[in-house]
Protein backbone atom coordinates (compact mmCIF):
# COMPACT_ATOMS: atom_id res chain seq x y z
CA MET A 1 91.85 101.45 135.61
CA ASN A 2 93.70 104.52 136.63
CA VAL A 3 95.81 106.86 133.96
CA LEU A 4 97.99 109.49 134.81
CA VAL A 5 98.56 111.99 131.56
CA THR A 6 101.43 114.16 132.04
CA GLY A 7 100.85 117.41 129.97
CA GLY A 8 97.23 116.48 129.76
CA SER A 9 96.17 119.93 129.44
CA GLY A 10 97.87 120.17 126.09
CA PHE A 11 96.91 120.13 122.39
CA ILE A 12 97.70 116.36 121.79
CA GLY A 13 97.23 115.58 125.88
CA SER A 14 93.75 116.73 125.94
CA HIS A 15 92.63 114.80 123.23
CA ILE A 16 94.18 111.56 124.94
CA VAL A 17 92.52 112.36 127.75
CA ASP A 18 88.90 113.17 125.71
CA LYS A 19 89.56 109.71 124.55
CA LEU A 20 90.42 107.59 127.71
CA ILE A 21 87.57 108.88 129.43
CA GLU A 22 85.24 107.89 126.57
CA GLN A 23 86.80 104.28 126.96
CA GLY A 24 86.00 104.39 130.75
CA TYR A 25 89.31 105.12 132.37
CA MET A 26 89.76 107.19 135.27
CA VAL A 27 92.14 109.95 134.40
CA ARG A 28 94.60 112.10 136.61
CA VAL A 29 96.29 114.94 134.69
CA PHE A 30 99.76 116.36 135.85
CA ASP A 31 100.21 119.66 134.37
CA LYS A 32 101.03 123.23 135.44
CA GLN A 33 97.82 124.40 133.49
CA LYS A 34 94.30 123.09 134.55
CA PRO A 35 92.65 120.48 132.36
CA LEU A 36 90.08 121.19 130.00
CA ARG A 37 87.66 118.99 131.43
CA GLU A 38 86.09 118.79 134.99
CA ASP A 39 85.70 115.00 135.18
CA VAL A 40 89.60 114.29 135.40
CA GLU A 41 91.56 114.55 138.79
CA TRP A 42 94.19 117.70 138.19
CA PHE A 43 97.55 117.02 139.79
CA LYS A 44 99.45 120.38 139.53
CA GLY A 45 102.90 120.22 139.52
CA ASP A 46 105.90 120.28 137.86
CA LEU A 47 107.91 117.33 136.56
CA LEU A 48 111.31 118.86 137.64
CA ASN A 49 110.26 118.35 141.33
CA GLU A 50 110.73 114.85 142.30
CA ASN A 51 108.41 114.84 145.25
CA ALA A 52 105.57 115.94 142.83
CA ALA A 53 106.32 113.44 140.33
CA LEU A 54 106.38 110.97 142.66
CA GLU A 55 102.80 112.04 144.20
CA ALA A 56 101.36 112.13 140.99
CA CYS A 57 102.17 108.59 140.16
CA LYS A 58 100.26 107.27 143.60
CA ASP A 59 97.67 104.50 142.62
CA ILE A 60 98.39 104.63 138.38
CA GLU A 61 98.46 101.69 136.31
CA PHE A 62 99.51 103.43 133.20
CA ILE A 63 101.14 106.84 132.13
CA TYR A 64 101.27 108.71 129.08
CA HIS A 65 104.10 110.89 129.23
CA LEU A 66 103.68 114.16 127.06
CA ALA A 67 104.85 116.85 129.31
CA ALA A 68 107.89 118.10 127.51
CA ILE A 69 109.13 121.51 125.66
CA ALA A 70 107.68 120.80 122.35
CA ASP A 71 107.73 124.14 120.76
CA VAL A 72 111.27 124.05 118.65
CA ASN A 73 111.72 127.63 119.06
CA ILE A 74 111.97 127.40 122.62
CA ALA A 75 114.08 124.38 122.46
CA LEU A 76 116.45 126.73 120.12
CA SER A 77 116.21 129.79 122.51
CA ASN A 78 116.40 127.87 125.82
CA PRO A 79 118.35 124.70 124.98
CA ALA A 80 119.06 124.09 128.80
CA LEU A 81 115.27 124.16 129.87
CA CYS A 82 114.63 121.82 126.79
CA MET A 83 117.27 119.40 128.14
CA GLN A 84 115.99 119.75 131.79
CA VAL A 85 112.36 119.22 130.89
CA ASN A 86 112.39 116.46 128.39
CA GLU A 87 115.17 114.41 129.77
CA ILE A 88 115.53 115.25 133.50
CA GLY A 89 111.84 115.47 133.63
CA THR A 90 111.51 111.86 132.14
CA LEU A 91 113.78 110.47 134.33
CA ASN A 92 112.22 111.80 137.34
CA LEU A 93 109.03 110.11 136.28
CA LEU A 94 110.53 106.91 135.56
CA ASN A 95 112.06 106.96 138.98
CA ALA A 96 108.16 107.99 140.49
CA ALA A 97 107.06 104.91 137.92
CA SER A 98 109.28 102.33 139.19
CA ALA A 99 108.82 103.66 143.03
CA MET A 100 104.98 103.26 142.38
CA GLU A 101 105.04 100.01 140.82
CA VAL A 102 103.24 101.68 137.87
CA GLU A 103 102.36 99.07 134.74
CA ARG A 104 103.75 100.82 132.05
CA VAL A 105 104.86 104.32 130.36
CA LEU A 106 103.79 105.26 127.12
CA LEU A 107 106.04 107.98 125.69
CA ALA A 108 105.06 110.76 123.40
CA SER A 109 108.14 110.73 120.97
CA THR A 110 108.40 112.22 117.56
CA THR A 111 109.06 111.13 113.84
CA TRP A 112 111.60 113.99 114.22
CA VAL A 113 114.24 111.21 115.26
CA TYR A 114 114.41 110.38 112.12
CA GLY A 115 116.13 113.14 110.94
CA LYS A 116 116.47 114.13 107.54
CA ILE A 117 116.25 110.59 105.99
CA GLU A 118 114.82 110.51 102.46
CA GLY A 119 112.34 108.12 101.08
CA GLU A 120 110.16 105.92 103.80
CA VAL A 121 110.89 105.12 107.53
CA ASP A 122 109.72 102.59 109.63
CA GLU A 123 110.24 101.32 113.49
CA SER A 124 113.41 99.56 112.41
CA THR A 125 115.32 102.35 110.26
CA PRO A 126 118.04 103.60 112.19
CA ILE A 127 118.22 106.61 114.17
CA PRO A 128 120.70 109.03 112.99
CA PRO A 129 122.80 111.72 114.90
CA PRO A 130 120.35 114.70 115.69
CA ASP A 131 120.65 117.84 113.96
CA HIS A 132 118.33 119.77 116.38
CA ILE A 133 118.35 120.11 119.97
CA TYR A 134 114.64 119.33 120.68
CA THR A 135 115.49 116.13 118.28
CA LYS A 136 118.07 115.16 120.69
CA THR A 137 115.98 115.39 123.91
CA LYS A 138 113.50 113.31 122.29
CA ILE A 139 116.13 110.57 121.06
CA GLY A 140 117.10 110.79 124.89
CA GLN A 141 113.66 110.19 126.40
CA GLU A 142 113.58 107.09 124.07
CA HIS A 143 116.98 106.05 125.16
CA LEU A 144 115.88 106.56 128.74
CA LEU A 145 112.88 104.35 128.75
CA ILE A 146 114.67 101.86 127.09
CA ALA A 147 117.58 101.86 129.34
CA TRP A 148 115.53 101.90 132.36
CA HIS A 149 113.66 99.14 131.20
CA GLU A 150 116.73 97.31 131.01
CA GLN A 151 117.78 98.05 134.59
CA THR A 152 114.28 97.89 136.47
CA ARG A 153 112.30 95.90 134.14
CA LEU A 154 109.45 98.70 133.97
CA PRO A 155 107.70 98.07 130.50
CA TYR A 156 107.43 100.89 128.16
CA THR A 157 105.68 102.06 124.82
CA ILE A 158 107.10 104.33 122.56
CA LEU A 159 104.84 106.16 120.16
CA ARG A 160 106.48 108.41 117.25
CA TYR A 161 103.83 111.08 116.28
CA ASP A 162 104.27 112.67 112.94
CA ILE A 163 102.86 116.04 112.77
CA PRO A 164 99.49 116.45 114.36
CA TYR A 165 96.74 119.24 113.47
CA GLY A 166 93.47 120.00 114.70
CA PRO A 167 91.52 121.63 116.88
CA ARG A 168 93.11 123.24 120.34
CA MET A 169 96.74 123.09 117.93
CA ARG A 170 99.41 125.79 119.11
CA ALA A 171 98.43 129.12 116.97
CA ASN A 172 102.31 128.99 115.91
CA MET A 173 101.86 125.76 114.47
CA ALA A 174 102.20 126.10 110.09
CA MET A 175 98.64 124.48 109.98
CA ALA A 176 97.00 126.96 112.11
CA ILE A 177 98.96 129.99 110.48
CA PHE A 178 98.16 128.96 106.92
CA VAL A 179 94.29 128.76 108.07
CA ARG A 180 94.65 132.08 110.01
CA LYS A 181 96.11 133.82 106.88
CA ALA A 182 93.21 132.58 104.62
CA MET A 183 90.76 133.55 107.03
CA LYS A 184 92.36 136.90 106.73
CA LYS A 185 93.11 136.95 103.17
CA GLU A 186 96.84 137.38 104.00
CA PRO A 187 99.56 135.95 101.99
CA ILE A 188 100.87 132.27 102.47
CA THR A 189 104.23 132.10 102.15
CA ILE A 190 105.53 129.12 100.66
CA PHE A 191 109.56 128.50 100.97
CA GLY A 192 111.04 126.84 97.94
CA ASP A 193 109.02 124.90 95.74
CA GLY A 194 106.53 123.73 98.36
CA ASN A 195 106.93 120.38 97.31
CA GLN A 196 108.45 119.56 100.92
CA GLY A 197 105.22 117.74 103.23
CA ARG A 198 105.07 115.46 106.42
CA CYS A 199 102.55 112.50 106.90
CA PHE A 200 100.15 114.99 108.91
CA ILE A 201 97.74 113.32 111.22
CA TYR A 202 94.16 114.55 112.62
CA VAL A 203 94.64 114.91 116.42
CA GLU A 204 91.82 112.63 117.44
CA ASP A 205 93.24 109.47 115.40
CA LEU A 206 96.48 110.28 116.75
CA ALA A 207 94.75 109.96 120.16
CA LYS A 208 92.88 106.88 119.18
CA GLY A 209 96.32 105.30 118.13
CA SER A 210 97.60 106.13 121.49
CA VAL A 211 94.78 104.57 123.63
CA ALA A 212 95.02 101.47 121.48
CA ALA A 213 98.51 101.08 122.77
CA LEU A 214 97.17 100.48 126.01
CA GLN A 215 96.87 96.78 124.64
CA PRO A 216 99.42 94.09 125.93
CA SER A 217 100.76 93.82 122.09
CA ALA A 218 101.92 97.38 122.52
CA CYS A 219 104.85 96.35 125.84
CA ASN A 220 107.78 97.26 125.07
CA GLN A 221 107.34 98.19 121.50
CA VAL A 222 107.81 101.25 119.40
CA PHE A 223 105.23 102.49 116.79
CA ASN A 224 104.88 105.18 113.97
CA ILE A 225 101.54 106.77 114.30
CA ALA A 226 100.98 108.85 111.22
CA GLY A 227 98.72 110.01 108.64
CA ASN A 228 97.92 107.74 105.59
CA GLU A 229 99.09 110.55 103.17
CA PHE A 230 102.34 112.46 102.60
CA VAL A 231 100.80 115.92 102.11
CA THR A 232 103.03 118.59 100.60
CA VAL A 233 102.73 122.43 101.62
CA ASN A 234 101.25 122.98 97.97
CA LYS A 235 98.69 120.39 98.97
CA ILE A 236 97.59 122.25 101.63
CA VAL A 237 97.07 125.49 100.09
CA GLU A 238 95.06 123.40 97.50
CA VAL A 239 92.97 122.01 99.90
CA LEU A 240 92.47 125.35 101.74
CA GLN A 241 91.18 127.01 98.21
CA GLU A 242 88.54 124.74 98.31
CA SER A 243 87.18 126.84 101.44
CA PHE A 244 88.95 130.21 100.70
CA ARG A 245 88.59 132.19 97.40
CA ASP A 246 91.49 134.34 95.94
CA ILE A 247 94.34 132.88 98.47
CA LYS A 248 97.46 134.73 98.03
CA VAL A 249 100.74 132.93 97.61
CA GLU A 250 104.12 134.22 98.03
CA HIS A 251 107.15 132.14 96.88
CA THR A 252 110.53 132.54 98.93
CA PRO A 253 113.78 130.81 98.73
CA PRO A 254 114.15 127.86 100.57
CA ARG A 255 115.26 128.17 104.21
CA PRO A 256 118.70 126.65 105.27
CA HIS A 257 118.11 123.06 106.59
CA ASP A 258 114.88 122.36 105.25
CA PHE A 259 114.18 119.27 104.04
CA LYS A 260 111.64 117.72 101.89
CA GLY A 261 110.22 115.26 104.39
CA VAL A 262 109.74 111.38 104.52
CA VAL A 263 106.91 108.90 104.15
CA VAL A 264 106.27 107.56 107.52
CA ASN A 265 105.17 103.54 107.65
CA ILE A 266 102.39 102.81 110.06
CA GLU A 267 102.29 99.07 109.12
CA LYS A 268 103.18 98.02 112.76
CA ALA A 269 100.84 99.75 114.19
CA ARG A 270 97.86 98.33 112.10
CA GLN A 271 99.24 94.85 112.60
CA LEU A 272 99.87 95.27 116.31
CA LEU A 273 97.04 97.46 117.58
CA ASP A 274 94.51 97.25 115.19
CA TRP A 275 94.73 100.83 114.32
CA GLU A 276 94.88 103.46 111.54
CA PRO A 277 94.13 106.91 110.67
CA LYS A 278 90.25 107.02 109.81
CA THR A 279 90.38 111.06 108.78
CA ALA A 280 91.42 111.91 105.14
CA PHE A 281 93.33 115.23 105.08
CA LYS A 282 90.89 117.05 103.22
CA GLU A 283 88.13 116.37 105.90
CA GLY A 284 90.61 116.97 108.98
CA LEU A 285 91.31 120.40 107.38
CA LYS A 286 87.94 121.26 106.81
CA LYS A 287 87.32 120.67 110.41
CA LEU A 288 90.28 122.35 111.64
CA ILE A 289 88.83 125.34 109.49
CA GLU A 290 85.71 124.88 111.03
CA TYR A 291 87.15 125.16 114.86
CA THR A 292 89.03 128.11 113.72
CA ARG A 293 86.13 129.64 112.69
CA SER A 294 84.12 128.90 115.93
CA GLN A 295 86.95 130.52 117.88
CA LYS A 296 86.68 133.78 116.19
CA ILE A 297 90.47 133.93 115.69
C-alpha cells in the first residue's frame, strides 16, 4: 500500500513515517526538506503549487496531511502565510487527492480547536469560535475535509493531537526548553501558579495512534489522540528534578490569555482503533532527556 505523508520530514511526520515503514507500507514524503530516512521516496515540493500536489498524489492510496505552519509564533507574525499554507494548501491537496482517486485523507489537527473550554472534552464537544489565527486555520482544515467529503465523497479522518513531545521536537517547544534549561542549570520560568497543563503525548504513541487510524473503522471519523495524564507545568518540573539536582524555578505573573488546560477524552480511539498511549509521562520525559543529551544540545 502506497502512503503519502505531507510534512513527513518534520517532528510528528517523521515519526509517522517510521511507524508506517515498520508496518510494511511504501511511503512517499512530500516536503521541502529531505526526509530523515533513505528508504522512502522524497517528492520535494510545496503544497501551494497545485501541479506539485497533483504529482505527489499519483499512485497513492492514503494521505497523511501534516504539512502546515505549526509554530504559533509564526502564525501570529505572518497570519497570511499561515492561512495560505494551512487552508489553501489543504484545498490544493484535496483537489489533487480527488483527481488521483486517493482512498482517504487523514488530517493532523489539534486539540487547540477546543479553545479554552474547561473540564473535559471529547469529539462531540462543540467547537467554539477561535481565539488564535493558528486555531482558526486548523478549524478551517477540518471544515474543508468535511465539506469536500460532502461534495466529492472523498473519505477522511481527522486526528486531533494534543501537545506531542519526544525526540526531534522543535527547540522552541516548552518541553524542549525546560529540558535544555535544566541541563544548563538555568532557571525555568513558571507563569502563574504552575497548575496549567495539557494531556501531553509521547510522539511515538501519537504515531502509533495515527497509523491505527488507517483501519476502516476510522473512515469519516474524528479522533482525539492524547496522553492518559493531565500533566501540569509543576509536574514537569517535579519529574525533571528526578534527573537534575537543584533546578532553579522563577515564578512570574500569569500571561494574558493563558488558560489552565483541558482533559482530553480518548475513549473513542480506544474503542474504534484499539489504541491508547503506552508511555507514561515520567518515562517519556526521561527518553526526551536521554535524546537531548545525545544531541549535545
